[in-house]
């Protein structure tokens, strides 16, 4: 297993934002690599920020955003206290 990497909100948002294909491809690549290598870490705060930005700024349907959150369960999730 490689070094652990914390994925921030921007990476998750870029992965679903179709307005910049270059950023989207890089974000999807990072997510895929860390999912495969099991080295990704996401906080509950990042998940909340993703849902808010995805549904408000990108106007993604809430059900679709919730599915994305389920997909992110492949990463270790830490609670920020």
PDB file of N, CA and C in Angstrom:
ATOM      1  N   UNK A   1       0.847  -1.171   0.000  1.00  0.00           N
ATOM      2  CA  UNK A   1       0.000   0.000   0.000  1.00  0.00           C
ATOM      3  C   UNK A   1       0.891   1.232   0.000  1.00  0.00           C
ATOM      4  N   UNK A   2       0.544   2.220  -0.807  1.00  0.00           N
ATOM      5  CA  UNK A   2       1.309   3.449  -0.891  1.00  0.00           C
ATOM      6  C   UNK A   2       0.946   4.417   0.215  1.00  0.00           C
ATOM      7  N   UNK A   3       1.497   5.607   0.114  1.00  0.00           N
ATOM      8  CA  UNK A   3       1.186   6.650   1.083  1.00  0.00           C
ATOM      9  C   UNK A   3      -0.286   7.008   1.023  1.00  0.00           C
ATOM     10  N   UNK A   4      -0.837   7.368   2.161  1.00  0.00           N
ATOM     11  CA  UNK A   4      -2.229   7.772   2.247  1.00  0.00           C
ATOM     12  C   UNK A   4      -2.357   9.197   1.710  1.00  0.00           C
ATOM     13  N   UNK A   5      -3.465   9.489   1.045  1.00  0.00           N
ATOM     14  CA  UNK A   5      -3.707  10.825   0.502  1.00  0.00           C
ATOM     15  C   UNK A   5      -5.102  11.283   0.884  1.00  0.00           C
ATOM     16  N   UNK A   6      -5.181  12.512   1.388  1.00  0.00           N
ATOM     17  CA  UNK A   6      -6.461  13.104   1.747  1.00  0.00           C
ATOM     18  C   UNK A   6      -7.034  13.781   0.508  1.00  0.00           C
ATOM     19  N   UNK A   7      -8.219  13.373   0.107  1.00  0.00           N
ATOM     20  CA  UNK A   7      -8.880  13.973  -1.047  1.00  0.00           C
ATOM     21  C   UNK A   7      -9.767  15.107  -0.556  1.00  0.00           C
ATOM     22  N   UNK A   8      -9.545  16.292  -1.095  1.00  0.00           N
ATOM     23  CA  UNK A   8     -10.334  17.436  -0.639  1.00  0.00           C
ATOM     24  C   UNK A   8     -11.566  17.630  -1.507  1.00  0.00           C
ATOM     25  N   UNK A   9     -12.383  18.570  -1.107  1.00  0.00           N
ATOM     26  CA  UNK A   9     -13.649  18.833  -1.782  1.00  0.00           C
ATOM     27  C   UNK A   9     -13.455  19.138  -3.256  1.00  0.00           C
ATOM     28  N   UNK A  10     -12.443  19.911  -3.590  1.00  0.00           N
ATOM     29  CA  UNK A  10     -12.222  20.294  -4.989  1.00  0.00           C
ATOM     30  C   UNK A  10     -12.042  19.086  -5.893  1.00  0.00           C
ATOM     31  N   UNK A  11     -11.313  18.091  -5.439  1.00  0.00           N
ATOM     32  CA  UNK A  11     -11.095  16.897  -6.259  1.00  0.00           C
ATOM     33  C   UNK A  11     -12.434  16.209  -6.528  1.00  0.00           C
ATOM     34  N   UNK A  12     -13.256  16.089  -5.499  1.00  0.00           N
ATOM     35  CA  UNK A  12     -14.553  15.436  -5.673  1.00  0.00           C
ATOM     36  C   UNK A  12     -15.458  16.246  -6.594  1.00  0.00           C
ATOM     37  N   UNK A  13     -15.458  17.564  -6.429  1.00  0.00           N
ATOM     38  CA  UNK A  13     -16.292  18.431  -7.272  1.00  0.00           C
ATOM     39  C   UNK A  13     -15.814  18.377  -8.721  1.00  0.00           C
ATOM     40  N   UNK A  14     -14.519  18.482  -8.938  1.00  0.00           N
ATOM     41  CA  UNK A  14     -14.002  18.430 -10.311  1.00  0.00           C
ATOM     42  C   UNK A  14     -14.353  17.108 -10.992  1.00  0.00           C
ATOM     43  N   UNK A  15     -14.494  16.044 -10.218  1.00  0.00           N
ATOM     44  CA  UNK A  15     -14.797  14.744 -10.817  1.00  0.00           C
ATOM     45  C   UNK A  15     -16.194  14.694 -11.433  1.00  0.00           C
ATOM     46  N   UNK A  16     -17.092  15.573 -10.999  1.00  0.00           N
ATOM     47  CA  UNK A  16     -18.456  15.596 -11.546  1.00  0.00           C
ATOM     48  C   UNK A  16     -18.755  16.857 -12.341  1.00  0.00           C
ATOM     49  N   UNK A  17     -17.828  17.822 -12.337  1.00  0.00           N
ATOM     50  CA  UNK A  17     -18.023  19.090 -13.035  1.00  0.00           C
ATOM     51  C   UNK A  17     -17.591  18.935 -14.494  1.00  0.00           C
ATOM     52  N   UNK A  18     -18.558  18.994 -15.384  1.00  0.00           N
ATOM     53  CA  UNK A  18     -18.270  18.781 -16.800  1.00  0.00           C
ATOM     54  C   UNK A  18     -17.870  20.057 -17.532  1.00  0.00           C
ATOM     55  N   UNK A  19     -17.728  21.177 -16.822  1.00  0.00           N
ATOM     56  CA  UNK A  19     -17.380  22.433 -17.485  1.00  0.00           C
ATOM     57  C   UNK A  19     -15.891  22.540 -17.814  1.00  0.00           C
ATOM     58  N   UNK A  20     -15.049  21.749 -17.151  1.00  0.00           N
ATOM     59  CA  UNK A  20     -13.612  21.755 -17.430  1.00  0.00           C
ATOM     60  C   UNK A  20     -13.152  20.306 -17.537  1.00  0.00           C
ATOM     61  N   UNK A  21     -13.102  19.807 -18.752  1.00  0.00           N
ATOM     62  CA  UNK A  21     -12.806  18.388 -18.964  1.00  0.00           C
ATOM     63  C   UNK A  21     -11.403  18.005 -18.507  1.00  0.00           C
ATOM     64  N   UNK A  22     -10.456  18.929 -18.598  1.00  0.00           N
ATOM     65  CA  UNK A  22      -9.099  18.632 -18.138  1.00  0.00           C
ATOM     66  C   UNK A  22      -9.065  18.365 -16.645  1.00  0.00           C
ATOM     67  N   UNK A  23      -9.699  19.249 -15.872  1.00  0.00           N
ATOM     68  CA  UNK A  23      -9.750  19.061 -14.412  1.00  0.00           C
ATOM     69  C   UNK A  23     -10.544  17.815 -14.061  1.00  0.00           C
ATOM     70  N   UNK A  24     -11.623  17.585 -14.796  1.00  0.00           N
ATOM     71  CA  UNK A  24     -12.444  16.411 -14.518  1.00  0.00           C
ATOM     72  C   UNK A  24     -11.644  15.136 -14.748  1.00  0.00           C
ATOM     73  N   UNK A  25     -10.909  15.054 -15.832  1.00  0.00           N
ATOM     74  CA  UNK A  25     -10.102  13.862 -16.111  1.00  0.00           C
ATOM     75  C   UNK A  25      -9.040  13.634 -15.045  1.00  0.00           C
ATOM     76  N   UNK A  26      -8.357  14.719 -14.629  1.00  0.00           N
ATOM     77  CA  UNK A  26      -7.332  14.580 -13.584  1.00  0.00           C
ATOM     78  C   UNK A  26      -7.956  14.121 -12.267  1.00  0.00           C
ATOM     79  N   UNK A  27      -9.107  14.705 -11.921  1.00  0.00           N
ATOM     80  CA  UNK A  27      -9.775  14.328 -10.672  1.00  0.00           C
ATOM     81  C   UNK A  27     -10.223  12.872 -10.721  1.00  0.00           C
ATOM     82  N   UNK A  28     -10.813  12.463 -11.831  1.00  0.00           N
ATOM     83  CA  UNK A  28     -11.243  11.071 -11.961  1.00  0.00           C
ATOM     84  C   UNK A  28     -10.060  10.115 -11.900  1.00  0.00           C
ATOM     85  N   UNK A  29      -8.940  10.529 -12.480  1.00  0.00           N
ATOM     86  CA  UNK A  29      -7.729   9.708 -12.413  1.00  0.00           C
ATOM     87  C   UNK A  29      -7.226   9.542 -10.991  1.00  0.00           C
ATOM     88  N   UNK A  30      -7.211  10.639 -10.244  1.00  0.00           N
ATOM     89  CA  UNK A  30      -6.789  10.576  -8.837  1.00  0.00           C
ATOM     90  C   UNK A  30      -7.713   9.676  -8.030  1.00  0.00           C
ATOM     91  N   UNK A  31      -9.007   9.863  -8.219  1.00  0.00           N
ATOM     92  CA  UNK A  31      -9.982   9.070  -7.472  1.00  0.00           C
ATOM     93  C   UNK A  31      -9.824   7.589  -7.815  1.00  0.00           C
ATOM     94  N   UNK A  32      -9.705   7.278  -9.092  1.00  0.00           N
ATOM     95  CA  UNK A  32      -9.559   5.879  -9.509  1.00  0.00           C
ATOM     96  C   UNK A  32      -8.279   5.267  -8.935  1.00  0.00           C
ATOM     97  N   UNK A  33      -7.177   6.016  -9.002  1.00  0.00           N
ATOM     98  CA  UNK A  33      -5.905   5.483  -8.499  1.00  0.00           C
ATOM     99  C   UNK A  33      -5.972   5.202  -7.007  1.00  0.00           C
ATOM    100  N   UNK A  34      -6.512   6.175  -6.256  1.00  0.00           N
ATOM    101  CA  UNK A  34      -6.560   5.987  -4.801  1.00  0.00           C
ATOM    102  C   UNK A  34      -7.594   4.946  -4.390  1.00  0.00           C
ATOM    103  N   UNK A  35      -8.644   4.779  -5.176  1.00  0.00           N
ATOM    104  CA  UNK A  35      -9.607   3.708  -4.898  1.00  0.00           C
ATOM    105  C   UNK A  35      -8.955   2.347  -5.144  1.00  0.00           C
ATOM    106  N   UNK A  36      -8.246   2.228  -6.252  1.00  0.00           N
ATOM    107  CA  UNK A  36      -7.598   0.965  -6.595  1.00  0.00           C
ATOM    108  C   UNK A  36      -6.514   0.603  -5.582  1.00  0.00           C
ATOM    109  N   UNK A  37      -5.712   1.608  -5.198  1.00  0.00           N
ATOM    110  CA  UNK A  37      -4.604   1.355  -4.280  1.00  0.00           C
ATOM    111  C   UNK A  37      -5.031   1.384  -2.816  1.00  0.00           C
ATOM    112  N   UNK A  38      -6.303   1.766  -2.583  1.00  0.00           N
ATOM    113  CA  UNK A  38      -6.856   1.869  -1.228  1.00  0.00           C
ATOM    114  C   UNK A  38      -6.030   2.816  -0.356  1.00  0.00           C
ATOM    115  N   UNK A  39      -5.668   3.962  -0.939  1.00  0.00           N
ATOM    116  CA  UNK A  39      -4.843   4.940  -0.224  1.00  0.00           C
ATOM    117  C   UNK A  39      -5.576   6.255   0.028  1.00  0.00           C
ATOM    118  N   UNK A  40      -6.830   6.356  -0.387  1.00  0.00           N
ATOM    119  CA  UNK A  40      -7.563   7.606  -0.255  1.00  0.00           C
ATOM    120  C   UNK A  40      -8.263   7.742   1.090  1.00  0.00           C
ATOM    121  N   UNK A  41      -8.300   8.984   1.565  1.00  0.00           N
ATOM    122  CA  UNK A  41      -8.979   9.322   2.816  1.00  0.00           C
ATOM    123  C   UNK A  41      -9.843  10.545   2.553  1.00  0.00           C
ATOM    124  N   UNK A  42     -11.075  10.516   3.062  1.00  0.00           N
ATOM    125  CA  UNK A  42     -12.004  11.638   2.926  1.00  0.00           C
ATOM    126  C   UNK A  42     -12.610  11.899   4.295  1.00  0.00           C
ATOM    127  N   UNK A  43     -12.839  13.162   4.611  1.00  0.00           N
ATOM    128  CA  UNK A  43     -13.480  13.491   5.882  1.00  0.00           C
ATOM    129  C   UNK A  43     -14.976  13.676   5.689  1.00  0.00           C
ATOM    130  N   UNK A  44     -15.705  13.567   6.783  1.00  0.00           N
ATOM    131  CA  UNK A  44     -17.144  13.813   6.724  1.00  0.00           C
ATOM    132  C   UNK A  44     -17.421  15.250   6.304  1.00  0.00           C
ATOM    133  N   UNK A  45     -16.562  16.170   6.689  1.00  0.00           N
ATOM    134  CA  UNK A  45     -16.731  17.567   6.280  1.00  0.00           C
ATOM    135  C   UNK A  45     -16.626  17.702   4.762  1.00  0.00           C
ATOM    136  N   UNK A  46     -15.666  17.035   4.150  1.00  0.00           N
ATOM    137  CA  UNK A  46     -15.511  17.077   2.695  1.00  0.00           C
ATOM    138  C   UNK A  46     -16.755  16.499   2.017  1.00  0.00           C
ATOM    139  N   UNK A  47     -17.308  15.428   2.558  1.00  0.00           N
ATOM    140  CA  UNK A  47     -18.513  14.844   1.984  1.00  0.00           C
ATOM    141  C   UNK A  47     -19.692  15.818   2.052  1.00  0.00           C
ATOM    142  N   UNK A  48     -19.817  16.522   3.179  1.00  0.00           N
ATOM    143  CA  UNK A  48     -20.886  17.517   3.320  1.00  0.00           C
ATOM    144  C   UNK A  48     -20.681  18.670   2.334  1.00  0.00           C
ATOM    145  N   UNK A  49     -19.442  19.139   2.219  1.00  0.00           N
ATOM    146  CA  UNK A  49     -19.143  20.232   1.295  1.00  0.00           C
ATOM    147  C   UNK A  49     -19.408  19.799  -0.152  1.00  0.00           C
ATOM    148  N   UNK A  50     -19.051  18.558  -0.488  1.00  0.00           N
ATOM    149  CA  UNK A  50     -19.310  18.053  -1.832  1.00  0.00           C
ATOM    150  C   UNK A  50     -20.801  18.085  -2.139  1.00  0.00           C
ATOM    151  N   UNK A  51     -21.605  17.552  -1.236  1.00  0.00           N
ATOM    152  CA  UNK A  51     -23.046  17.500  -1.478  1.00  0.00           C
ATOM    153  C   UNK A  51     -23.614  18.900  -1.668  1.00  0.00           C
ATOM    154  N   UNK A  52     -23.204  19.813  -0.818  1.00  0.00           N
ATOM    155  CA  UNK A  52     -23.700  21.188  -0.907  1.00  0.00           C
ATOM    156  C   UNK A  52     -23.307  21.839  -2.228  1.00  0.00           C
ATOM    157  N   UNK A  53     -22.044  21.742  -2.589  1.00  0.00           N
ATOM    158  CA  UNK A  53     -21.575  22.368  -3.833  1.00  0.00           C
ATOM    159  C   UNK A  53     -22.162  21.683  -5.067  1.00  0.00           C
ATOM    160  N   UNK A  54     -22.263  20.379  -5.032  1.00  0.00           N
ATOM    161  CA  UNK A  54     -22.779  19.640  -6.188  1.00  0.00           C
ATOM    162  C   UNK A  54     -24.238  19.985  -6.450  1.00  0.00           C
ATOM    163  N   UNK A  55     -25.022  20.070  -5.393  1.00  0.00           N
ATOM    164  CA  UNK A  55     -26.454  20.325  -5.585  1.00  0.00           C
ATOM    165  C   UNK A  55     -26.762  21.800  -5.806  1.00  0.00           C
ATOM    166  N   UNK A  56     -25.983  22.678  -5.194  1.00  0.00           N
ATOM    167  CA  UNK A  56     -26.268  24.118  -5.321  1.00  0.00           C
ATOM    168  C   UNK A  56     -25.553  24.756  -6.508  1.00  0.00           C
ATOM    169  N   UNK A  57     -24.254  24.577  -6.581  1.00  0.00           N
ATOM    170  CA  UNK A  57     -23.485  25.256  -7.630  1.00  0.00           C
ATOM    171  C   UNK A  57     -23.542  24.530  -8.973  1.00  0.00           C
ATOM    172  N   UNK A  58     -23.456  23.206  -8.932  1.00  0.00           N
ATOM    173  CA  UNK A  58     -23.470  22.447 -10.180  1.00  0.00           C
ATOM    174  C   UNK A  58     -24.876  21.994 -10.558  1.00  0.00           C
ATOM    175  N   UNK A  59     -25.815  22.202  -9.658  1.00  0.00           N
ATOM    176  CA  UNK A  59     -27.221  21.848  -9.870  1.00  0.00           C
ATOM    177  C   UNK A  59     -27.421  20.369 -10.214  1.00  0.00           C
ATOM    178  N   UNK A  60     -26.645  19.531  -9.550  1.00  0.00           N
ATOM    179  CA  UNK A  60     -26.809  18.088  -9.674  1.00  0.00           C
ATOM    180  C   UNK A  60     -27.990  17.689  -8.804  1.00  0.00           C
ATOM    181  N   UNK A  61     -28.818  16.808  -9.302  1.00  0.00           N
ATOM    182  CA  UNK A  61     -29.979  16.346  -8.536  1.00  0.00           C
ATOM    183  C   UNK A  61     -29.510  15.714  -7.226  1.00  0.00           C
ATOM    184  N   UNK A  62     -30.222  15.986  -6.133  1.00  0.00           N
ATOM    185  CA  UNK A  62     -29.815  15.428  -4.836  1.00  0.00           C
ATOM    186  C   UNK A  62     -29.647  13.908  -4.839  1.00  0.00           C
ATOM    187  N   UNK A  63     -30.512  13.193  -5.523  1.00  0.00           N
ATOM    188  CA  UNK A  63     -30.371  11.731  -5.571  1.00  0.00           C
ATOM    189  C   UNK A  63     -29.088  11.306  -6.279  1.00  0.00           C
ATOM    190  N   UNK A  64     -28.729  12.030  -7.320  1.00  0.00           N
ATOM    191  CA  UNK A  64     -27.482  11.734  -8.032  1.00  0.00           C
ATOM    192  C   UNK A  64     -26.280  12.049  -7.141  1.00  0.00           C
ATOM    193  N   UNK A  65     -26.336  13.159  -6.425  1.00  0.00           N
ATOM    194  CA  UNK A  65     -25.246  13.520  -5.512  1.00  0.00           C
ATOM    195  C   UNK A  65     -25.113  12.479  -4.401  1.00  0.00           C
ATOM    196  N   UNK A  66     -26.242  11.975  -3.908  1.00  0.00           N
ATOM    197  CA  UNK A  66     -26.198  10.932  -2.872  1.00  0.00           C
ATOM    198  C   UNK A  66     -25.554   9.658  -3.415  1.00  0.00           C
ATOM    199  N   UNK A  67     -25.804   9.335  -4.675  1.00  0.00           N
ATOM    200  CA  UNK A  67     -25.163   8.161  -5.275  1.00  0.00           C
ATOM    201  C   UNK A  67     -23.653   8.353  -5.341  1.00  0.00           C
ATOM    202  N   UNK A  68     -23.234   9.559  -5.687  1.00  0.00           N
ATOM    203  CA  UNK A  68     -21.794   9.851  -5.702  1.00  0.00           C
ATOM    204  C   UNK A  68     -21.208   9.644  -4.309  1.00  0.00           C
ATOM    205  N   UNK A  69     -21.914  10.100  -3.281  1.00  0.00           N
ATOM    206  CA  UNK A  69     -21.432   9.912  -1.909  1.00  0.00           C
ATOM    207  C   UNK A  69     -21.278   8.426  -1.599  1.00  0.00           C
ATOM    208  N   UNK A  70     -22.208   7.613  -2.050  1.00  0.00           N
ATOM    209  CA  UNK A  70     -22.098   6.163  -1.834  1.00  0.00           C
ATOM    210  C   UNK A  70     -20.855   5.613  -2.531  1.00  0.00           C
ATOM    211  N   UNK A  71     -20.571   6.123  -3.713  1.00  0.00           N
ATOM    212  CA  UNK A  71     -19.392   5.662  -4.452  1.00  0.00           C
ATOM    213  C   UNK A  71     -18.098   5.994  -3.715  1.00  0.00           C
ATOM    214  N   UNK A  72     -18.111   7.076  -2.951  1.00  0.00           N
ATOM    215  CA  UNK A  72     -16.905   7.489  -2.226  1.00  0.00           C
ATOM    216  C   UNK A  72     -16.652   6.635  -0.989  1.00  0.00           C
ATOM    217  N   UNK A  73     -17.541   5.698  -0.689  1.00  0.00           N
ATOM    218  CA  UNK A  73     -17.343   4.835   0.481  1.00  0.00           C
ATOM    219  C   UNK A  73     -16.157   3.896   0.321  1.00  0.00           C
ATOM    220  N   UNK A  74     -15.579   3.822  -0.882  1.00  0.00           N
ATOM    221  CA  UNK A  74     -14.400   2.972  -1.062  1.00  0.00           C
ATOM    222  C   UNK A  74     -13.196   3.548  -0.313  1.00  0.00           C
ATOM    223  N   UNK A  75     -13.296   4.818   0.080  1.00  0.00           N
ATOM    224  CA  UNK A  75     -12.198   5.468   0.804  1.00  0.00           C
ATOM    225  C   UNK A  75     -12.420   5.376   2.309  1.00  0.00           C
ATOM    226  N   UNK A  76     -11.329   5.493   3.048  1.00  0.00           N
ATOM    227  CA  UNK A  76     -11.459   5.624   4.486  1.00  0.00           C
ATOM    228  C   UNK A  76     -12.104   6.975   4.771  1.00  0.00           C
ATOM    229  N   UNK A  77     -13.089   6.989   5.637  1.00  0.00           N
ATOM    230  CA  UNK A  77     -13.783   8.218   5.979  1.00  0.00           C
ATOM    231  C   UNK A  77     -13.504   8.529   7.438  1.00  0.00           C
ATOM    232  N   UNK A  78     -13.034   9.763   7.664  1.00  0.00           N
ATOM    233  CA  UNK A  78     -12.719  10.194   9.018  1.00  0.00           C
ATOM    234  C   UNK A  78     -13.673  11.299   9.428  1.00  0.00           C
ATOM    235  N   UNK A  79     -14.022  11.292  10.692  1.00  0.00           N
ATOM    236  CA  UNK A  79     -14.916  12.315  11.221  1.00  0.00           C
ATOM    237  C   UNK A  79     -14.067  13.444  11.806  1.00  0.00           C
ATOM    238  N   UNK A  80     -14.387  14.664  11.391  1.00  0.00           N
ATOM    239  CA  UNK A  80     -13.676  15.832  11.913  1.00  0.00           C
ATOM    240  C   UNK A  80     -14.367  16.258  13.195  1.00  0.00           C
ATOM    241  N   UNK A  81     -13.578  16.374  14.256  1.00  0.00           N
ATOM    242  CA  UNK A  81     -14.161  16.779  15.544  1.00  0.00           C
ATOM    243  C   UNK A  81     -13.562  18.082  16.005  1.00  0.00           C
TER     244      UNK A  81
END
